[in-house]
């Protein structure tokens, strides 16, 4: 008899924090994890997910109550927007479009690999798209949406495979990003233009590092003020999502974290021009780092690893090849086109994250890197904007092109 135990909200939140402690402890004792910057939420989250999977096979299901998960994600993306004033946008705007071009080319390649391997393995080519950009560049949400489309229009049930493929991609994206970027940093002797260490705010007060060990001068007042502004972005994003849905403004329909990011950008630039209230950078850094860490630990501890085990061998082969292709593409192409410098290496680690998983995975990869090798504000501006907004549009166009060819 299968038994389900629902873990309360407070206890679930406590476990989410414990996930980070587990990841930190393992990374501290396992040199290879530390050397290649495997993110702590990935390490700790997989341990908890493995325990949950073991209990699942013993007919015991643990259901976590994590109502704050989405809010924490929105808070984090709000901090990215709030730290992107027009001066920073002007200095790195060109890189956004260059990276968009690189990521767009890769989506075409990703689907070509998926469709080709599916055909070679005797599968329906549409399953190659499921094991391509639908779930890998698109994530779980895109996988659900396209599964419904395939079921309604083509009579093909792909939901379970889509969820399993997206889960696989989320894990692998978090695993390969650090080693690929660290290899580039070590091989080319790259260093951050801001230097290493834990006192960047002393010399660069406007810098947001997303480094857990950065020494920040914050007070209760600055934290409360910053949290107030961030929650305006969060509430505004949720309100805008409802508004767009109710009035069926499909041309404005985007993930809610994109709204949060752009609301942060608007507030940051209004305050920069008016010079009234000035967002406190160090408080933004602290709150953003905490929100990202907790959100990712919640996402990882909720993984259903048994879904990966349910993948058919041919689809598993496709996903493993996709992982290798992305690592090679990011290493040789993304890094070179983005400038072959330190920022390019960090962006490369981010590309591995959202090319196989999702934008938060990309940011997690970059956060693990900069915690050891120094800040890269350009990477934290370029990757989230492309991964959270533009790439979904490109993905839709590319997928429509493939479908018109296949069908």
Protein backbone atom coordinates (compact mmCIF):
# COMPACT_ATOMS: atom_id res chain seq x y z
CA UNK A 1 0.00 0.00 0.00
CA UNK A 2 1.37 3.38 -1.05
CA UNK A 3 1.57 5.97 1.73
CA UNK A 4 1.98 9.73 1.27
CA UNK A 5 3.41 11.95 3.99
CA UNK A 6 2.95 15.69 3.56
CA UNK A 7 5.74 17.72 5.12
CA UNK A 8 4.56 21.01 6.64
CA UNK A 9 5.61 24.41 5.30
CA UNK A 10 7.98 25.23 8.17
CA UNK A 11 9.58 21.78 8.13
CA UNK A 12 9.92 21.88 4.32
CA UNK A 13 11.61 25.28 4.53
CA UNK A 14 13.95 23.90 7.18
CA UNK A 15 14.88 20.98 4.90
CA UNK A 16 15.54 23.45 2.05
CA UNK A 17 18.11 25.22 4.22
CA UNK A 18 19.56 21.88 5.28
CA UNK A 19 20.02 21.01 1.59
CA UNK A 20 22.49 23.90 1.32
CA UNK A 21 24.38 22.69 4.39
CA UNK A 22 24.61 19.21 2.89
CA UNK A 23 25.93 20.60 -0.40
CA UNK A 24 28.46 22.80 1.37
CA UNK A 25 29.70 19.93 3.54
CA UNK A 26 30.09 17.53 0.61
CA UNK A 27 31.85 20.12 -1.55
CA UNK A 28 34.22 20.91 1.29
CA UNK A 29 35.23 17.25 1.63
CA UNK A 30 35.12 16.16 -2.03
CA UNK A 31 37.89 17.97 -3.86
CA UNK A 32 36.63 17.32 -7.39
CA UNK A 33 33.26 18.98 -6.62
CA UNK A 34 35.04 21.98 -5.15
CA UNK A 35 37.59 22.19 -7.94
CA UNK A 36 34.98 22.21 -10.71
CA UNK A 37 32.49 24.47 -8.91
CA UNK A 38 29.57 22.03 -8.77
CA UNK A 39 26.83 24.20 -7.20
CA UNK A 40 25.95 23.38 -3.60
CA UNK A 41 22.17 23.25 -4.27
CA UNK A 42 22.78 20.63 -6.98
CA UNK A 43 24.89 18.46 -4.68
CA UNK A 44 22.67 18.76 -1.61
CA UNK A 45 19.47 18.67 -3.64
CA UNK A 46 20.44 15.45 -5.37
CA UNK A 47 21.17 13.81 -2.01
CA UNK A 48 17.69 14.67 -0.72
CA UNK A 49 16.11 13.76 -4.08
CA UNK A 50 17.88 10.38 -3.93
CA UNK A 51 16.46 9.74 -0.45
CA UNK A 52 12.98 10.71 -1.67
CA UNK A 53 13.38 8.40 -4.69
CA UNK A 54 14.47 5.50 -2.45
CA UNK A 55 11.38 5.99 -0.27
CA UNK A 56 9.24 6.20 -3.42
CA UNK A 57 10.34 2.70 -4.40
CA UNK A 58 9.41 1.57 -0.89
CA UNK A 59 5.85 2.85 -1.55
CA UNK A 60 6.40 5.95 0.58
CA UNK A 61 5.93 9.40 -0.95
CA UNK A 62 7.20 12.58 0.68
CA UNK A 63 5.32 15.69 -0.42
CA UNK A 64 7.03 18.96 0.48
CA UNK A 65 5.03 22.16 1.07
CA UNK A 66 7.04 24.98 -0.48
CA UNK A 67 4.73 27.95 -1.16
CA UNK A 68 7.69 30.38 -1.07
CA UNK A 69 9.55 28.69 -3.96
CA UNK A 70 8.16 30.84 -6.76
CA UNK A 71 8.34 34.03 -4.67
CA UNK A 72 12.03 33.42 -3.97
CA UNK A 73 12.65 33.01 -7.70
CA UNK A 74 10.84 36.29 -8.39
CA UNK A 75 12.85 38.06 -5.69
CA UNK A 76 16.09 36.87 -7.25
CA UNK A 77 15.22 38.01 -10.75
CA UNK A 78 14.06 41.33 -9.30
CA UNK A 79 17.56 41.81 -7.85
CA UNK A 80 19.04 41.31 -11.32
CA UNK A 81 16.78 44.01 -12.70
CA UNK A 82 17.37 46.33 -9.76
CA UNK A 83 21.14 46.16 -10.27
CA UNK A 84 20.94 46.91 -14.04
CA UNK A 85 20.92 50.68 -14.41
CA UNK A 86 21.22 52.25 -17.85
CA UNK A 87 25.00 52.71 -17.54
CA UNK A 88 25.47 48.96 -17.12
CA UNK A 89 22.94 48.20 -19.85
CA UNK A 90 24.75 50.50 -22.29
CA UNK A 91 28.13 48.98 -21.48
CA UNK A 92 26.96 45.39 -22.00
CA UNK A 93 23.96 45.72 -24.30
CA UNK A 94 25.86 44.58 -27.38
CA UNK A 95 26.81 41.33 -25.63
CA UNK A 96 23.13 40.51 -25.05
CA UNK A 97 22.46 40.35 -28.78
CA UNK A 98 25.70 38.51 -29.55
CA UNK A 99 24.84 35.88 -26.96
CA UNK A 100 21.28 35.69 -28.28
CA UNK A 101 22.71 34.88 -31.70
CA UNK A 102 24.95 32.15 -30.25
CA UNK A 103 22.10 30.63 -28.21
CA UNK A 104 19.74 30.76 -31.21
CA UNK A 105 22.22 28.92 -33.43
CA UNK A 106 22.59 26.29 -30.75
CA UNK A 107 18.81 25.71 -30.53
CA UNK A 108 18.81 24.85 -34.24
CA UNK A 109 21.72 22.43 -33.64
CA UNK A 110 20.05 20.98 -30.54
CA UNK A 111 16.92 20.06 -32.45
CA UNK A 112 18.92 18.75 -35.40
CA UNK A 113 20.75 16.39 -33.02
CA UNK A 114 17.49 15.28 -31.39
CA UNK A 115 15.58 14.68 -34.64
CA UNK A 116 18.53 12.94 -36.34
CA UNK A 117 19.20 10.58 -33.45
CA UNK A 118 15.48 9.82 -33.03
CA UNK A 119 15.26 8.85 -36.69
CA UNK A 120 18.42 6.72 -36.48
CA UNK A 121 17.07 4.94 -33.40
CA UNK A 122 13.72 4.23 -35.05
CA UNK A 123 11.69 6.74 -33.01
CA UNK A 124 9.16 9.32 -34.14
CA UNK A 125 11.16 12.48 -35.03
CA UNK A 126 8.83 14.50 -32.80
CA UNK A 127 10.34 12.65 -29.84
CA UNK A 128 13.65 14.13 -30.98
CA UNK A 129 12.16 17.59 -30.45
CA UNK A 130 11.00 16.52 -26.98
CA UNK A 131 14.60 15.51 -26.27
CA UNK A 132 15.73 18.73 -27.92
CA UNK A 133 14.97 22.38 -27.28
CA UNK A 134 11.40 21.76 -26.06
CA UNK A 135 12.57 20.43 -22.71
CA UNK A 136 16.29 21.22 -22.66
CA UNK A 137 16.25 24.89 -23.63
CA UNK A 138 12.58 25.28 -22.70
CA UNK A 139 12.37 23.47 -19.36
CA UNK A 140 9.43 21.78 -17.64
CA UNK A 141 6.87 24.49 -18.47
CA UNK A 142 7.60 24.42 -22.19
CA UNK A 143 7.57 20.62 -22.07
CA UNK A 144 4.05 20.59 -20.59
CA UNK A 145 2.77 23.14 -23.12
CA UNK A 146 4.11 21.28 -26.16
CA UNK A 147 2.98 17.90 -24.80
CA UNK A 148 -0.58 19.24 -24.75
CA UNK A 149 -0.16 20.49 -28.32
CA UNK A 150 1.15 17.12 -29.53
CA UNK A 151 -1.68 15.27 -27.79
CA UNK A 152 -4.38 17.55 -29.23
CA UNK A 153 -3.01 17.94 -32.77
CA UNK A 154 -1.11 14.72 -33.43
CA UNK A 155 -2.49 12.24 -30.90
CA UNK A 156 0.94 11.62 -29.39
CA UNK A 157 1.24 11.35 -25.60
CA UNK A 158 4.64 12.80 -24.63
CA UNK A 159 3.99 14.34 -21.20
CA UNK A 160 5.83 11.76 -19.09
CA UNK A 161 8.82 11.71 -21.45
CA UNK A 162 8.90 15.51 -21.51
CA UNK A 163 8.96 15.74 -17.71
CA UNK A 164 11.68 13.10 -17.47
CA UNK A 165 13.78 14.78 -20.17
CA UNK A 166 13.42 18.21 -18.52
CA UNK A 167 14.44 16.73 -15.16
CA UNK A 168 17.47 15.05 -16.74
CA UNK A 169 18.45 18.33 -18.40
CA UNK A 170 18.08 20.31 -15.18
CA UNK A 171 20.49 18.00 -13.39
CA UNK A 172 23.03 17.72 -16.21
CA UNK A 173 22.97 21.46 -16.91
CA UNK A 174 23.98 22.08 -13.31
CA UNK A 175 26.70 19.43 -13.43
CA UNK A 176 28.54 20.31 -16.65
CA UNK A 177 28.51 24.12 -16.41
CA UNK A 178 31.14 24.44 -13.69
CA UNK A 179 33.70 22.00 -15.14
CA UNK A 180 33.43 23.46 -18.67
CA UNK A 181 33.89 27.05 -17.47
CA UNK A 182 36.58 26.13 -14.93
CA UNK A 183 38.54 24.35 -17.66
CA UNK A 184 38.47 27.50 -19.77
CA UNK A 185 39.46 29.72 -16.84
CA UNK A 186 42.38 27.46 -15.94
CA UNK A 187 43.57 26.82 -19.49
CA UNK A 188 43.65 30.50 -20.45
CA UNK A 189 44.67 31.85 -17.01
CA UNK A 190 41.62 34.10 -16.89
CA UNK A 191 40.91 36.43 -14.00
CA UNK A 192 38.05 38.73 -13.13
CA UNK A 193 38.71 42.40 -13.83
CA UNK A 194 37.46 43.02 -10.29
CA UNK A 195 39.96 40.58 -8.77
CA UNK A 196 39.33 37.77 -6.31
CA UNK A 197 38.71 38.00 -2.58
CA UNK A 198 35.68 38.89 -0.45
CA UNK A 199 35.83 42.71 -0.22
CA UNK A 200 34.75 43.90 -3.66
CA UNK A 201 32.19 46.33 -2.31
CA UNK A 202 34.90 48.36 -0.61
CA UNK A 203 36.33 49.38 -4.01
CA UNK A 204 33.26 48.85 -6.23
CA UNK A 205 30.18 49.85 -4.23
CA UNK A 206 27.82 49.41 -7.22
CA UNK A 207 28.90 45.82 -7.89
CA UNK A 208 26.53 42.90 -7.27
CA UNK A 209 28.62 39.73 -6.89
CA UNK A 210 26.13 36.99 -5.86
CA UNK A 211 28.98 35.57 -3.78
CA UNK A 212 27.80 33.88 -0.57
CA UNK A 213 31.01 34.86 1.22
CA UNK A 214 31.20 38.50 0.12
CA UNK A 215 31.70 40.89 3.04
CA UNK A 216 28.70 43.21 2.95
CA UNK A 217 27.99 46.28 5.05
CA UNK A 218 24.25 46.00 5.55
CA UNK A 219 21.88 47.18 8.26
CA UNK A 220 18.37 46.23 9.26
CA UNK A 221 17.17 49.48 7.66
CA UNK A 222 18.82 48.84 4.27
CA UNK A 223 17.54 45.25 4.23
CA UNK A 224 13.97 46.37 4.98
CA UNK A 225 14.09 49.17 2.37
CA UNK A 226 15.51 46.84 -0.28
CA UNK A 227 13.06 44.06 0.55
CA UNK A 228 10.21 46.55 0.20
CA UNK A 229 11.35 47.53 -3.31
CA UNK A 230 11.90 43.89 -4.32
CA UNK A 231 8.45 42.88 -3.11
CA UNK A 232 6.97 45.68 -5.21
CA UNK A 233 8.59 43.95 -8.21
CA UNK A 234 7.29 40.55 -7.08
CA UNK A 235 3.74 41.76 -6.46
CA UNK A 236 3.80 43.73 -9.71
CA UNK A 237 4.95 40.65 -11.64
CA UNK A 238 2.13 38.53 -10.19
CA UNK A 239 -0.43 41.27 -10.86
CA UNK A 240 0.79 41.72 -14.44
CA UNK A 241 0.58 37.95 -15.03
CA UNK A 242 -3.09 37.96 -13.96
CA UNK A 243 -3.79 41.10 -16.01
CA UNK A 244 -2.30 39.61 -19.19
CA UNK A 245 -4.24 36.37 -18.68
CA UNK A 246 -7.59 38.00 -17.93
CA UNK A 247 -7.47 40.34 -20.92
CA UNK A 248 -5.88 37.66 -23.18
CA UNK A 249 -2.95 39.87 -24.15
CA UNK A 250 -1.01 36.96 -25.64
CA UNK A 251 1.59 39.23 -27.21
CA UNK A 252 2.59 40.25 -23.67
CA UNK A 253 2.49 36.71 -22.24
CA UNK A 254 5.82 35.79 -20.65
CA UNK A 255 7.02 33.89 -17.57
CA UNK A 256 6.33 35.90 -14.40
CA UNK A 257 10.01 36.20 -13.54
CA UNK A 258 10.56 38.17 -16.76
CA UNK A 259 8.07 40.77 -15.52
CA UNK A 260 9.87 40.89 -12.16
CA UNK A 261 13.22 41.42 -13.89
CA UNK A 262 11.97 44.26 -16.08
CA UNK A 263 10.14 45.96 -13.20
CA UNK A 264 13.46 45.93 -11.37
CA UNK A 265 15.16 47.49 -14.41
CA UNK A 266 12.51 50.23 -14.57
CA UNK A 267 12.84 51.08 -10.86
CA UNK A 268 16.65 51.03 -11.04
CA UNK A 269 16.74 53.48 -13.92
CA UNK A 270 14.04 55.78 -12.53
CA UNK A 271 16.01 56.11 -9.29
CA UNK A 272 19.24 56.60 -11.26
CA UNK A 273 17.75 59.50 -13.24
CA UNK A 274 15.79 61.15 -10.42
CA UNK A 275 18.57 60.61 -7.87
CA UNK A 276 16.03 60.40 -5.08
CA UNK A 277 16.14 56.93 -3.53
CA UNK A 278 19.23 54.91 -4.39
CA UNK A 279 18.96 51.10 -4.15
CA UNK A 280 21.47 49.71 -1.67
CA UNK A 281 23.70 47.44 -3.73
CA UNK A 282 25.05 45.34 -0.86
CA UNK A 283 21.56 44.59 0.46
CA UNK A 284 20.45 43.65 -3.07
CA UNK A 285 23.46 41.31 -3.22
CA UNK A 286 22.67 39.63 0.10
CA UNK A 287 18.94 39.18 -0.52
CA UNK A 288 19.50 38.01 -4.12
CA UNK A 289 22.08 35.42 -3.09
CA UNK A 290 19.89 34.05 -0.29
CA UNK A 291 16.79 33.92 -2.52
CA UNK A 292 18.63 32.12 -5.34
CA UNK A 293 20.21 29.56 -3.00
CA UNK A 294 16.92 28.70 -1.30
CA UNK A 295 14.91 28.62 -4.53
CA UNK A 296 17.35 26.21 -6.14
CA UNK A 297 17.53 23.94 -3.10
CA UNK A 298 13.71 23.74 -3.13
CA UNK A 299 13.68 22.97 -6.86
CA UNK A 300 16.28 20.22 -6.54
CA UNK A 301 14.78 18.53 -3.48
CA UNK A 302 11.49 18.31 -5.40
CA UNK A 303 13.05 16.44 -8.32
CA UNK A 304 11.40 13.12 -9.18
CA UNK A 305 14.49 11.12 -10.06
CA UNK A 306 12.46 8.01 -10.80
CA UNK A 307 11.11 9.77 -13.88
CA UNK A 308 14.62 9.66 -15.32
CA UNK A 309 14.74 5.91 -14.72
CA UNK A 310 11.52 5.58 -16.72
CA UNK A 311 13.18 7.00 -19.84
CA UNK A 312 13.44 4.56 -22.68
CA UNK A 313 17.05 3.67 -23.52
CA UNK A 314 16.92 5.38 -26.95
CA UNK A 315 15.77 8.68 -25.41
CA UNK A 316 18.40 8.40 -22.70
CA UNK A 317 21.02 7.97 -25.43
CA UNK A 318 19.74 11.12 -27.17
CA UNK A 319 19.93 13.13 -23.94
CA UNK A 320 23.45 11.96 -23.15
CA UNK A 321 24.57 12.96 -26.65
CA UNK A 322 22.81 16.31 -26.22
CA UNK A 323 24.79 16.88 -23.03
CA UNK A 324 28.09 16.18 -24.77
CA UNK A 325 27.21 18.34 -27.80
CA UNK A 326 26.32 21.32 -25.61
CA UNK A 327 29.52 21.00 -23.59
CA UNK A 328 31.60 20.96 -26.80
CA UNK A 329 29.64 23.82 -28.41
CA UNK A 330 29.87 25.99 -25.31
CA UNK A 331 33.58 25.28 -24.86
CA UNK A 332 34.65 25.99 -28.43
CA UNK A 333 31.96 28.31 -29.84
CA UNK A 334 30.22 30.24 -27.05
CA UNK A 335 33.49 31.09 -25.31
CA UNK A 336 35.19 32.29 -28.48
CA UNK A 337 32.32 34.37 -29.85
CA UNK A 338 31.65 36.00 -26.47
CA UNK A 339 35.20 37.32 -26.33
CA UNK A 340 37.49 34.56 -25.01
CA UNK A 341 37.88 36.38 -21.70
CA UNK A 342 36.82 35.82 -18.09
CA UNK A 343 33.27 37.10 -18.63
CA UNK A 344 33.00 34.82 -21.67
CA UNK A 345 34.01 31.81 -19.56
CA UNK A 346 31.35 32.59 -16.95
CA UNK A 347 28.74 33.11 -19.69
CA UNK A 348 29.79 29.73 -21.12
CA UNK A 349 29.02 28.08 -17.78
CA UNK A 350 25.65 29.84 -17.84
CA UNK A 351 24.95 28.64 -21.38
CA UNK A 352 25.46 25.06 -20.20
CA UNK A 353 22.85 25.74 -17.51
CA UNK A 354 19.97 27.05 -19.58
CA UNK A 355 20.92 25.09 -22.72
CA UNK A 356 20.19 21.88 -20.78
CA UNK A 357 17.99 23.09 -17.94
CA UNK A 358 16.64 26.53 -17.16
CA UNK A 359 17.72 30.11 -16.52
CA UNK A 360 17.96 29.62 -12.72
CA UNK A 361 20.31 26.69 -13.37
CA UNK A 362 22.45 28.97 -15.53
CA UNK A 363 22.60 31.58 -12.78
CA UNK A 364 23.42 28.88 -10.23
CA UNK A 365 26.37 27.75 -12.38
CA UNK A 366 27.65 31.31 -12.66
CA UNK A 367 27.15 31.94 -8.95
CA UNK A 368 29.28 28.93 -8.06
CA UNK A 369 32.02 30.17 -10.41
CA UNK A 370 32.18 33.77 -9.25
CA UNK A 371 32.22 32.68 -5.61
CA UNK A 372 35.68 31.24 -6.27
CA UNK A 373 37.11 33.16 -9.22
CA UNK A 374 35.73 36.70 -8.91
CA UNK A 375 32.72 38.80 -9.99
CA UNK A 376 31.33 38.97 -13.52
CA UNK A 377 28.46 41.49 -13.57
CA UNK A 378 28.31 41.35 -17.36
CA UNK A 379 27.52 37.62 -17.29
CA UNK A 380 24.76 38.15 -14.72
CA UNK A 381 23.16 40.72 -16.98
CA UNK A 382 23.58 38.99 -20.35
CA UNK A 383 22.59 35.39 -19.53
CA UNK A 384 19.37 36.03 -17.56
CA UNK A 385 18.01 38.52 -20.12
CA UNK A 386 18.61 36.10 -23.00
CA UNK A 387 17.65 32.96 -21.08
CA UNK A 388 14.57 34.40 -19.40
CA UNK A 389 13.05 36.30 -22.30
CA UNK A 390 14.49 36.26 -25.82
CA UNK A 391 15.34 32.58 -26.05
CA UNK A 392 11.71 31.49 -25.54
CA UNK A 393 10.69 33.50 -28.61
CA UNK A 394 13.52 32.04 -30.69
CA UNK A 395 12.70 28.54 -29.44
CA UNK A 396 9.08 28.90 -30.54
CA UNK A 397 10.07 30.07 -34.04
CA UNK A 398 12.64 27.30 -34.49
CA UNK A 399 10.24 24.60 -33.26
CA UNK A 400 7.50 25.79 -35.63
CA UNK A 401 10.00 25.57 -38.47
CA UNK A 402 10.98 22.02 -37.56
CA UNK A 403 7.34 20.95 -37.22
CA UNK A 404 6.39 22.36 -40.59
CA UNK A 405 9.26 20.37 -42.10
CA UNK A 406 8.58 17.11 -40.21
CA UNK A 407 4.80 17.11 -40.61
